[in-house]
Each structure stands twice: as C-alpha cells, then as structure tokens.
C-alpha cells in the first residue's frame, strides 16, 4: 500500500533536485487504469496536451492551475477535479504534488 503523503513529500523534494523542476512516478498500471504522482516546483508547468478519455486530478500538496482555452481552474491541496476534455496544461502556483488518475482505451 502506498502512502500518498510520503510520496508527495518525496517527489516534491525530487522535483527540487531536478533541473526541470518536476518529478513523476507511475503508481498503478492495470489494464486501462493509470495513477501517477506528479510533483512540480513553483512556476513549473506541463505544456498543453490532450486529455485521456477519462481522468481526475487530486492535489496532494500546494496549488496548481489547470489551464485551458475555455478558462483556467485553480486547485488547492485536498481538492479533486475532473481533467477537462480538451487540450490543457498544468502550472504549479506553488510547490505542488498531484495524483493523476486516468483511464485510457
């Protein structure tokens, strides 16, 4: 069993050691289900990309901004939000760790 709090702390620390300010780890990979921890240092972004068929983002640490053409959504620690079904990006407003749950076909 994984301790999400410990993993969030570990990956935020690893993101600070990474020249690109990020760290990620695939936790679950079963059939179509994938769950990953993604940590970003403040100001680091994941560039715009396509959305999987179904996904959610749970903020474990910090504050992130989900960016889309139709509008941005700020998410704070403890919040869970569906990933928009459009191209989107992710910006760490402050050091952050998120749990991405995705279903791919």
N, C-alpha and C. Protein backbone atom coordinates (compact mmCIF):
# COMPACT_ATOMS: atom_id res chain seq x y z
N UNK A 1 0.84 -1.17 0.00
CA UNK A 1 0.00 0.00 0.00
C UNK A 1 0.90 1.24 0.00
N UNK A 2 0.54 2.20 -0.83
CA UNK A 2 1.34 3.43 -0.94
C UNK A 2 0.81 4.50 0.00
N UNK A 3 1.72 5.24 0.62
CA UNK A 3 1.39 6.38 1.47
C UNK A 3 1.49 7.63 0.61
N UNK A 4 0.35 8.18 0.22
CA UNK A 4 0.34 9.33 -0.69
C UNK A 4 1.02 10.55 -0.09
N UNK A 5 0.89 10.76 1.21
CA UNK A 5 1.56 11.91 1.84
C UNK A 5 3.07 11.77 1.75
N UNK A 6 3.58 10.58 2.03
CA UNK A 6 5.03 10.36 1.95
C UNK A 6 5.51 10.48 0.51
N UNK A 7 4.74 9.95 -0.44
CA UNK A 7 5.13 10.05 -1.85
C UNK A 7 5.11 11.50 -2.32
N UNK A 8 4.13 12.28 -1.88
CA UNK A 8 4.07 13.69 -2.26
C UNK A 8 5.31 14.42 -1.75
N UNK A 9 5.67 14.19 -0.50
CA UNK A 9 6.86 14.83 0.07
C UNK A 9 8.11 14.40 -0.70
N UNK A 10 8.23 13.11 -0.96
CA UNK A 10 9.40 12.56 -1.67
C UNK A 10 9.55 13.18 -3.06
N UNK A 11 8.44 13.30 -3.77
CA UNK A 11 8.53 13.80 -5.15
C UNK A 11 8.67 15.32 -5.23
N UNK A 12 8.15 16.05 -4.26
CA UNK A 12 8.41 17.50 -4.24
C UNK A 12 9.90 17.72 -4.00
N UNK A 13 10.49 16.94 -3.10
CA UNK A 13 11.94 17.03 -2.85
C UNK A 13 12.71 16.68 -4.11
N UNK A 14 12.30 15.61 -4.80
CA UNK A 14 12.97 15.19 -6.04
C UNK A 14 12.81 16.25 -7.13
N UNK A 15 11.66 16.92 -7.19
CA UNK A 15 11.44 17.97 -8.19
C UNK A 15 12.42 19.13 -7.97
N UNK A 16 12.72 19.44 -6.72
CA UNK A 16 13.68 20.50 -6.42
C UNK A 16 15.09 20.13 -6.88
N UNK A 17 15.39 18.84 -6.90
CA UNK A 17 16.71 18.39 -7.34
C UNK A 17 16.79 18.24 -8.87
N UNK A 18 15.64 18.25 -9.54
CA UNK A 18 15.59 18.07 -10.99
C UNK A 18 15.77 19.41 -11.70
N UNK A 19 16.61 19.47 -12.75
CA UNK A 19 16.81 20.75 -13.45
C UNK A 19 15.55 21.31 -14.10
N UNK A 20 14.57 20.44 -14.36
CA UNK A 20 13.32 20.91 -14.98
C UNK A 20 12.22 21.16 -13.95
N UNK A 21 12.52 20.92 -12.66
CA UNK A 21 11.57 21.22 -11.61
C UNK A 21 10.39 20.28 -11.53
N UNK A 22 10.60 19.02 -11.91
CA UNK A 22 9.49 18.07 -11.86
C UNK A 22 9.96 16.68 -11.49
N UNK A 23 9.01 15.90 -11.00
CA UNK A 23 9.25 14.50 -10.67
C UNK A 23 7.92 13.77 -10.83
N UNK A 24 7.98 12.55 -11.37
CA UNK A 24 6.75 11.78 -11.57
C UNK A 24 7.03 10.30 -11.36
N UNK A 25 5.98 9.60 -10.95
CA UNK A 25 6.10 8.16 -10.71
C UNK A 25 4.76 7.50 -10.99
N UNK A 26 4.77 6.45 -11.81
CA UNK A 26 3.56 5.68 -12.11
C UNK A 26 3.33 4.72 -10.94
N UNK A 27 2.20 4.88 -10.25
CA UNK A 27 1.87 4.04 -9.10
C UNK A 27 1.07 2.80 -9.48
N UNK A 28 0.07 2.99 -10.33
CA UNK A 28 -0.83 1.91 -10.72
C UNK A 28 -0.89 1.85 -12.24
N UNK A 29 -0.74 0.64 -12.77
CA UNK A 29 -0.87 0.41 -14.21
C UNK A 29 -1.56 -0.93 -14.38
N UNK A 30 -2.88 -0.90 -14.39
CA UNK A 30 -3.68 -2.11 -14.51
C UNK A 30 -4.69 -1.92 -15.62
N UNK A 31 -4.57 -2.75 -16.66
CA UNK A 31 -5.45 -2.64 -17.82
C UNK A 31 -5.48 -1.18 -18.31
N UNK A 32 -6.66 -0.55 -18.23
CA UNK A 32 -6.81 0.81 -18.74
C UNK A 32 -6.55 1.88 -17.68
N UNK A 33 -6.40 1.47 -16.42
CA UNK A 33 -6.25 2.41 -15.31
C UNK A 33 -4.79 2.75 -15.07
N UNK A 34 -4.53 4.05 -14.91
CA UNK A 34 -3.20 4.52 -14.55
C UNK A 34 -3.33 5.59 -13.48
N UNK A 35 -2.47 5.48 -12.46
CA UNK A 35 -2.40 6.52 -11.44
C UNK A 35 -0.95 6.92 -11.27
N UNK A 36 -0.70 8.22 -11.32
CA UNK A 36 0.66 8.75 -11.23
C UNK A 36 0.71 9.90 -10.24
N UNK A 37 1.84 9.97 -9.53
CA UNK A 37 2.16 11.14 -8.72
C UNK A 37 3.00 12.05 -9.60
N UNK A 38 2.63 13.32 -9.65
CA UNK A 38 3.40 14.31 -10.39
C UNK A 38 3.69 15.46 -9.45
N UNK A 39 4.95 15.82 -9.31
CA UNK A 39 5.34 16.95 -8.47
C UNK A 39 6.01 18.00 -9.33
N UNK A 40 5.68 19.26 -9.06
CA UNK A 40 6.24 20.40 -9.78
C UNK A 40 6.65 21.47 -8.78
N UNK A 41 7.78 22.10 -9.04
CA UNK A 41 8.17 23.24 -8.20
C UNK A 41 7.40 24.48 -8.65
N UNK A 42 7.29 25.45 -7.78
CA UNK A 42 6.56 26.69 -8.08
C UNK A 42 7.04 27.29 -9.39
N UNK A 43 6.08 27.61 -10.27
CA UNK A 43 6.39 28.22 -11.56
C UNK A 43 6.63 27.22 -12.67
N UNK A 44 6.75 25.95 -12.35
CA UNK A 44 6.97 24.93 -13.37
C UNK A 44 5.63 24.55 -13.99
N UNK A 45 5.66 24.26 -15.29
CA UNK A 45 4.42 23.91 -15.98
C UNK A 45 4.60 22.65 -16.81
N UNK A 46 3.49 21.96 -17.01
CA UNK A 46 3.40 20.91 -18.00
C UNK A 46 2.71 21.54 -19.19
N UNK A 47 3.36 21.50 -20.34
CA UNK A 47 2.80 22.14 -21.52
C UNK A 47 1.46 21.52 -21.91
N UNK A 48 0.73 22.26 -22.71
CA UNK A 48 -0.58 21.83 -23.18
C UNK A 48 -0.49 20.45 -23.83
N UNK A 49 -1.46 19.59 -23.50
CA UNK A 49 -1.51 18.24 -24.05
C UNK A 49 -2.96 17.78 -24.12
N UNK A 50 -3.20 16.69 -24.85
CA UNK A 50 -4.56 16.15 -24.99
C UNK A 50 -4.99 15.43 -23.72
N UNK A 51 -6.28 15.42 -23.49
CA UNK A 51 -6.84 14.74 -22.33
C UNK A 51 -7.09 13.27 -22.65
N UNK A 52 -6.90 12.38 -21.66
CA UNK A 52 -7.28 10.99 -21.85
C UNK A 52 -8.81 10.89 -21.86
N UNK A 53 -9.36 9.75 -22.22
CA UNK A 53 -10.83 9.61 -22.27
C UNK A 53 -11.52 9.96 -20.94
N UNK A 54 -10.89 9.64 -19.81
CA UNK A 54 -11.44 10.00 -18.50
C UNK A 54 -10.27 10.15 -17.54
N UNK A 55 -10.32 11.20 -16.72
CA UNK A 55 -9.22 11.43 -15.77
C UNK A 55 -9.65 12.41 -14.69
N UNK A 56 -8.95 12.31 -13.55
CA UNK A 56 -9.15 13.28 -12.47
C UNK A 56 -7.79 13.66 -11.91
N UNK A 57 -7.77 14.81 -11.27
CA UNK A 57 -6.56 15.34 -10.67
C UNK A 57 -6.87 15.65 -9.20
N UNK A 58 -6.13 15.04 -8.28
CA UNK A 58 -6.28 15.31 -6.86
C UNK A 58 -5.02 16.00 -6.38
N UNK A 59 -5.16 17.18 -5.80
CA UNK A 59 -4.00 17.92 -5.32
C UNK A 59 -3.64 17.42 -3.92
N UNK A 60 -2.42 16.90 -3.81
CA UNK A 60 -1.93 16.38 -2.53
C UNK A 60 -1.18 17.44 -1.74
N UNK A 61 -0.48 18.34 -2.44
CA UNK A 61 0.29 19.42 -1.83
C UNK A 61 0.20 20.64 -2.72
N UNK A 62 0.14 21.81 -2.13
CA UNK A 62 0.29 23.03 -2.89
C UNK A 62 -0.92 23.50 -3.65
N UNK A 63 -0.64 24.31 -4.68
CA UNK A 63 -1.67 24.92 -5.52
C UNK A 63 -1.24 24.78 -6.98
N UNK A 64 -2.18 24.36 -7.84
CA UNK A 64 -1.92 24.25 -9.27
C UNK A 64 -3.00 24.99 -10.04
N UNK A 65 -2.70 25.30 -11.27
CA UNK A 65 -3.65 25.92 -12.18
C UNK A 65 -3.77 25.01 -13.40
N UNK A 66 -4.98 24.51 -13.64
CA UNK A 66 -5.26 23.74 -14.86
C UNK A 66 -5.63 24.78 -15.91
N UNK A 67 -4.84 24.85 -16.98
CA UNK A 67 -5.04 25.88 -18.00
C UNK A 67 -5.69 25.28 -19.24
N UNK A 68 -6.71 25.97 -19.74
CA UNK A 68 -7.40 25.57 -20.97
C UNK A 68 -7.78 26.83 -21.75
N UNK A 69 -8.12 26.64 -23.00
CA UNK A 69 -8.58 27.77 -23.82
C UNK A 69 -9.88 28.33 -23.26
N UNK A 70 -10.73 27.45 -22.71
CA UNK A 70 -12.04 27.90 -22.23
C UNK A 70 -11.99 28.50 -20.82
N UNK A 71 -10.82 28.49 -20.17
CA UNK A 71 -10.69 29.10 -18.85
C UNK A 71 -9.82 28.26 -17.93
N UNK A 72 -9.21 28.91 -16.98
CA UNK A 72 -8.30 28.23 -16.05
C UNK A 72 -9.03 27.90 -14.74
N UNK A 73 -8.57 26.84 -14.09
CA UNK A 73 -9.14 26.41 -12.82
C UNK A 73 -8.02 26.25 -11.79
N UNK A 74 -8.13 26.97 -10.68
CA UNK A 74 -7.16 26.84 -9.60
C UNK A 74 -7.61 25.72 -8.67
N UNK A 75 -6.67 24.84 -8.33
CA UNK A 75 -6.94 23.73 -7.42
C UNK A 75 -5.95 23.78 -6.27
N UNK A 76 -6.46 23.57 -5.06
CA UNK A 76 -5.65 23.63 -3.85
C UNK A 76 -5.57 22.26 -3.20
N UNK A 77 -4.62 22.12 -2.30
CA UNK A 77 -4.41 20.88 -1.58
C UNK A 77 -5.73 20.33 -1.05
N UNK A 78 -5.97 19.05 -1.32
CA UNK A 78 -7.19 18.38 -0.87
C UNK A 78 -8.31 18.40 -1.88
N UNK A 79 -8.19 19.18 -2.95
CA UNK A 79 -9.26 19.25 -3.94
C UNK A 79 -9.08 18.19 -5.03
N UNK A 80 -10.21 17.72 -5.52
CA UNK A 80 -10.28 16.74 -6.60
C UNK A 80 -11.09 17.34 -7.73
N UNK A 81 -10.60 17.20 -8.97
CA UNK A 81 -11.26 17.84 -10.10
C UNK A 81 -11.13 16.96 -11.34
N UNK A 82 -12.19 16.83 -12.14
CA UNK A 82 -12.04 16.08 -13.39
C UNK A 82 -11.12 16.83 -14.34
N UNK A 83 -10.33 16.09 -15.09
CA UNK A 83 -9.47 16.70 -16.10
C UNK A 83 -10.37 17.12 -17.26
N UNK A 84 -10.26 18.37 -17.71
CA UNK A 84 -11.13 18.84 -18.79
C UNK A 84 -10.92 18.03 -20.07
N UNK A 85 -12.00 17.80 -20.79
CA UNK A 85 -11.93 17.04 -22.03
C UNK A 85 -11.58 17.96 -23.19
N UNK A 86 -10.46 18.63 -23.05
CA UNK A 86 -9.90 19.50 -24.08
C UNK A 86 -8.40 19.60 -23.81
N UNK A 87 -7.67 20.14 -24.75
CA UNK A 87 -6.24 20.33 -24.51
C UNK A 87 -6.08 21.20 -23.28
N UNK A 88 -5.10 20.85 -22.47
CA UNK A 88 -4.91 21.55 -21.21
C UNK A 88 -3.45 21.49 -20.79
N UNK A 89 -3.09 22.36 -19.87
CA UNK A 89 -1.76 22.36 -19.28
C UNK A 89 -1.90 22.43 -17.77
N UNK A 90 -0.76 22.35 -17.08
CA UNK A 90 -0.77 22.41 -15.63
C UNK A 90 0.38 23.31 -15.19
N UNK A 91 0.09 24.26 -14.32
CA UNK A 91 1.08 25.20 -13.79
C UNK A 91 1.07 25.10 -12.27
N UNK A 92 2.25 24.92 -11.68
CA UNK A 92 2.36 24.93 -10.22
C UNK A 92 2.45 26.38 -9.75
N UNK A 93 1.43 26.84 -9.05
CA UNK A 93 1.42 28.19 -8.49
C UNK A 93 2.40 28.24 -7.32
N UNK A 94 2.45 27.15 -6.57
CA UNK A 94 3.46 26.96 -5.53
C UNK A 94 3.88 25.49 -5.63
N UNK A 95 4.95 25.12 -4.92
CA UNK A 95 5.37 23.72 -4.97
C UNK A 95 4.15 22.83 -4.80
N UNK A 96 4.02 21.81 -5.65
CA UNK A 96 2.80 21.01 -5.64
C UNK A 96 3.08 19.56 -6.00
N UNK A 97 2.19 18.71 -5.50
CA UNK A 97 2.17 17.30 -5.89
C UNK A 97 0.71 16.93 -6.14
N UNK A 98 0.47 16.23 -7.24
CA UNK A 98 -0.89 15.83 -7.60
C UNK A 98 -0.92 14.33 -7.87
N UNK A 99 -2.10 13.76 -7.70
CA UNK A 99 -2.35 12.38 -8.09
C UNK A 99 -3.22 12.43 -9.33
N UNK A 100 -2.69 11.97 -10.45
CA UNK A 100 -3.43 11.90 -11.70
C UNK A 100 -3.97 10.49 -11.86
N UNK A 101 -5.27 10.38 -11.98
CA UNK A 101 -5.91 9.09 -12.24
C UNK A 101 -6.49 9.17 -13.65
N UNK A 102 -6.09 8.24 -14.51
CA UNK A 102 -6.54 8.29 -15.92
C UNK A 102 -6.98 6.91 -16.37
N UNK A 103 -7.99 6.92 -17.22
CA UNK A 103 -8.45 5.71 -17.88
C UNK A 103 -8.19 5.90 -19.36
N UNK A 104 -7.36 5.04 -19.91
CA UNK A 104 -7.02 5.11 -21.33
C UNK A 104 -7.60 3.90 -22.04
N UNK A 105 -8.07 4.12 -23.26
CA UNK A 105 -8.59 2.97 -24.00
C UNK A 105 -7.59 2.43 -24.97
